Amino acid sequence: MQEKVRSQDTVYAIMSINTSATGRKLAWDFLKTNWETQFQKKYKGGYLLTHLIKTTIENFTDTAIIPEVKVME
Protein backbone atom coordinates (compact mmCIF):
# COMPACT_ATOMS: atom_id res chain seq x y z
CA MET A 1 0.00 0.00 0.00
CA GLN A 2 1.37 3.35 -0.96
CA GLU A 3 1.37 6.34 1.36
CA LYS A 4 -0.57 8.31 -1.28
CA VAL A 5 -3.66 6.14 -0.71
CA ARG A 6 -5.87 7.51 2.05
CA SER A 7 -6.43 5.22 5.04
CA GLN A 8 -10.17 4.97 4.55
CA ASP A 9 -9.75 4.18 0.85
CA THR A 10 -7.47 1.27 1.68
CA VAL A 11 -9.98 -0.15 4.15
CA TYR A 12 -12.98 0.28 1.86
CA ALA A 13 -11.12 -1.26 -1.08
CA ILE A 14 -10.35 -4.36 0.98
CA MET A 15 -13.91 -4.52 2.33
CA SER A 16 -15.32 -4.37 -1.18
CA ILE A 17 -13.87 -7.77 -2.06
CA ASN A 18 -15.55 -9.42 0.95
CA THR A 19 -18.73 -10.14 -1.00
CA SER A 20 -17.69 -13.62 -2.11
CA ALA A 21 -16.06 -16.56 -0.35
CA THR A 22 -12.99 -16.23 -2.56
CA GLY A 23 -12.73 -12.49 -1.93
CA ARG A 24 -13.24 -12.94 1.80
CA LYS A 25 -10.36 -15.45 1.90
CA LEU A 26 -8.13 -13.08 -0.08
CA ALA A 27 -9.00 -10.16 2.20
CA TRP A 28 -8.38 -12.24 5.33
CA ASP A 29 -5.02 -13.47 4.04
CA PHE A 30 -4.02 -9.92 3.10
CA LEU A 31 -5.07 -8.59 6.51
CA LYS A 32 -3.12 -11.31 8.36
CA THR A 33 -0.02 -10.88 6.21
CA ASN A 34 0.03 -7.10 6.65
CA TRP A 35 -1.35 -6.89 10.20
CA GLU A 36 1.77 -5.70 12.00
CA THR A 37 3.39 -3.73 9.20
CA GLN A 38 0.35 -1.86 7.87
CA PHE A 39 -2.83 -2.12 9.87
CA GLN A 40 -2.03 -2.32 13.57
CA LYS A 41 0.31 0.65 13.49
CA LYS A 42 -1.54 2.77 10.94
CA TYR A 43 -5.07 2.48 12.33
CA LYS A 44 -4.27 2.04 16.05
CA GLY A 45 -7.49 0.17 16.86
CA GLY A 46 -9.83 2.85 15.55
CA TYR A 47 -13.21 2.50 13.90
CA LEU A 48 -11.85 1.72 10.44
CA LEU A 49 -9.74 -1.17 11.71
CA THR A 50 -12.59 -2.59 13.78
CA HIS A 51 -14.97 -2.31 10.84
CA LEU A 52 -12.48 -3.93 8.47
CA ILE A 53 -11.95 -6.92 10.75
CA LYS A 54 -15.68 -7.31 11.40
CA THR A 55 -16.63 -7.27 7.73
CA THR A 56 -13.78 -9.59 6.81
CA ILE A 57 -14.53 -12.34 9.33
CA GLU A 58 -18.27 -12.07 9.96
CA ASN A 59 -19.33 -14.42 7.16
CA PHE A 60 -16.76 -17.16 7.66
CA THR A 61 -18.43 -20.45 8.51
CA ASP A 62 -15.25 -22.32 9.40
CA THR A 63 -14.33 -22.06 13.08
CA ALA A 64 -10.71 -22.84 12.19
CA ILE A 65 -9.98 -19.10 11.86
CA ILE A 66 -10.78 -18.43 15.54
CA PRO A 67 -7.18 -18.99 16.72
CA GLU A 68 -5.95 -16.72 13.89
CA VAL A 69 -8.29 -13.94 14.99
CA LYS A 70 -7.27 -14.27 18.64
CA VAL A 71 -3.61 -13.84 17.72
CA MET A 72 -4.48 -10.42 16.30
CA GLU A 73 -5.94 -9.13 19.59
C-alpha atoms as a PDB file:
ATOM      1  CA  MET A   1       0.000   0.000   0.000  1.00  0.00           C
ATOM      2  CA  GLN A   2       1.366   3.353  -0.961  1.00  0.00           C
ATOM      3  CA  GLU A   3       1.366   6.344   1.358  1.00  0.00           C
ATOM      4  CA  LYS A   4      -0.571   8.309  -1.282  1.00  0.00           C
ATOM      5  CA  VAL A   5      -3.660   6.138  -0.711  1.00  0.00           C
ATOM      6  CA  ARG A   6      -5.873   7.509   2.050  1.00  0.00           C
ATOM      7  CA  SER A   7      -6.428   5.219   5.040  1.00  0.00           C
ATOM      8  CA  GLN A   8     -10.167   4.971   4.554  1.00  0.00           C
ATOM      9  CA  ASP A   9      -9.751   4.184   0.854  1.00  0.00           C
ATOM     10  CA  THR A  10      -7.468   1.266   1.680  1.00  0.00           C
ATOM     11  CA  VAL A  11      -9.979  -0.150   4.155  1.00  0.00           C
ATOM     12  CA  TYR A  12     -12.976   0.277   1.862  1.00  0.00           C
ATOM     13  CA  ALA A  13     -11.117  -1.264  -1.081  1.00  0.00           C
ATOM     14  CA  ILE A  14     -10.352  -4.362   0.975  1.00  0.00           C
ATOM     15  CA  MET A  15     -13.908  -4.518   2.329  1.00  0.00           C
ATOM     16  CA  SER A  16     -15.322  -4.368  -1.184  1.00  0.00           C
ATOM     17  CA  ILE A  17     -13.869  -7.773  -2.060  1.00  0.00           C
ATOM     18  CA  ASN A  18     -15.548  -9.420   0.946  1.00  0.00           C
ATOM     19  CA  THR A  19     -18.735 -10.143  -0.997  1.00  0.00           C
ATOM     20  CA  SER A  20     -17.686 -13.622  -2.112  1.00  0.00           C
ATOM     21  CA  ALA A  21     -16.061 -16.555  -0.353  1.00  0.00           C
ATOM     22  CA  THR A  22     -12.991 -16.232  -2.560  1.00  0.00           C
ATOM     23  CA  GLY A  23     -12.733 -12.493  -1.934  1.00  0.00           C
ATOM     24  CA  ARG A  24     -13.237 -12.942   1.802  1.00  0.00           C
ATOM     25  CA  LYS A  25     -10.361 -15.453   1.903  1.00  0.00           C
ATOM     26  CA  LEU A  26      -8.131 -13.077  -0.079  1.00  0.00           C
ATOM     27  CA  ALA A  27      -9.003 -10.158   2.201  1.00  0.00           C
ATOM     28  CA  TRP A  28      -8.384 -12.245   5.327  1.00  0.00           C
ATOM     29  CA  ASP A  29      -5.023 -13.470   4.038  1.00  0.00           C
ATOM     30  CA  PHE A  30      -4.019  -9.922   3.103  1.00  0.00           C
ATOM     31  CA  LEU A  31      -5.069  -8.595   6.509  1.00  0.00           C
ATOM     32  CA  LYS A  32      -3.119 -11.306   8.357  1.00  0.00           C
ATOM     33  CA  THR A  33      -0.018 -10.877   6.214  1.00  0.00           C
ATOM     34  CA  ASN A  34       0.028  -7.095   6.649  1.00  0.00           C
ATOM     35  CA  TRP A  35      -1.354  -6.894  10.198  1.00  0.00           C
ATOM     36  CA  GLU A  36       1.773  -5.701  12.002  1.00  0.00           C
ATOM     37  CA  THR A  37       3.388  -3.732   9.204  1.00  0.00           C
ATOM     38  CA  GLN A  38       0.353  -1.864   7.870  1.00  0.00           C
ATOM     39  CA  PHE A  39      -2.831  -2.120   9.872  1.00  0.00           C
ATOM     40  CA  GLN A  40      -2.034  -2.323  13.567  1.00  0.00           C
ATOM     41  CA  LYS A  41       0.314   0.648  13.492  1.00  0.00           C
ATOM     42  CA  LYS A  42      -1.543   2.768  10.944  1.00  0.00           C
ATOM     43  CA  TYR A  43      -5.068   2.477  12.333  1.00  0.00           C
ATOM     44  CA  LYS A  44      -4.273   2.036  16.050  1.00  0.00           C
ATOM     45  CA  GLY A  45      -7.488   0.171  16.861  1.00  0.00           C
ATOM     46  CA  GLY A  46      -9.827   2.854  15.555  1.00  0.00           C
ATOM     47  CA  TYR A  47     -13.213   2.501  13.901  1.00  0.00           C
ATOM     48  CA  LEU A  48     -11.847   1.715  10.439  1.00  0.00           C
ATOM     49  CA  LEU A  49      -9.740  -1.165  11.707  1.00  0.00           C
ATOM     50  CA  THR A  50     -12.588  -2.595  13.776  1.00  0.00           C
ATOM     51  CA  HIS A  51     -14.970  -2.309  10.841  1.00  0.00           C
ATOM     52  CA  LEU A  52     -12.477  -3.932   8.471  1.00  0.00           C
ATOM     53  CA  ILE A  53     -11.946  -6.921  10.753  1.00  0.00           C
ATOM     54  CA  LYS A  54     -15.677  -7.313  11.400  1.00  0.00           C
ATOM     55  CA  THR A  55     -16.633  -7.269   7.730  1.00  0.00           C
ATOM     56  CA  THR A  56     -13.779  -9.590   6.813  1.00  0.00           C
ATOM     57  CA  ILE A  57     -14.533 -12.345   9.329  1.00  0.00           C
ATOM     58  CA  GLU A  58     -18.272 -12.069   9.959  1.00  0.00           C
ATOM     59  CA  ASN A  59     -19.331 -14.420   7.156  1.00  0.00           C
ATOM     60  CA  PHE A  60     -16.762 -17.162   7.662  1.00  0.00           C
ATOM     61  CA  THR A  61     -18.430 -20.450   8.509  1.00  0.00           C
ATOM     62  CA  ASP A  62     -15.252 -22.317   9.402  1.00  0.00           C
ATOM     63  CA  THR A  63     -14.327 -22.058  13.082  1.00  0.00           C
ATOM     64  CA  ALA A  64     -10.711 -22.838  12.186  1.00  0.00           C
ATOM     65  CA  ILE A  65      -9.980 -19.105  11.864  1.00  0.00           C
ATOM     66  CA  ILE A  66     -10.784 -18.431  15.540  1.00  0.00           C
ATOM     67  CA  PRO A  67      -7.180 -18.985  16.716  1.00  0.00           C
ATOM     68  CA  GLU A  68      -5.950 -16.723  13.893  1.00  0.00           C
ATOM     69  CA  VAL A  69      -8.287 -13.937  14.993  1.00  0.00           C
ATOM     70  CA  LYS A  70      -7.271 -14.271  18.644  1.00  0.00           C
ATOM     71  CA  VAL A  71      -3.611 -13.843  17.722  1.00  0.00           C
ATOM     72  CA  MET A  72      -4.476 -10.425  16.300  1.00  0.00           C
ATOM     73  CA  GLU A  73      -5.938  -9.128  19.593  1.00  0.00           C
END
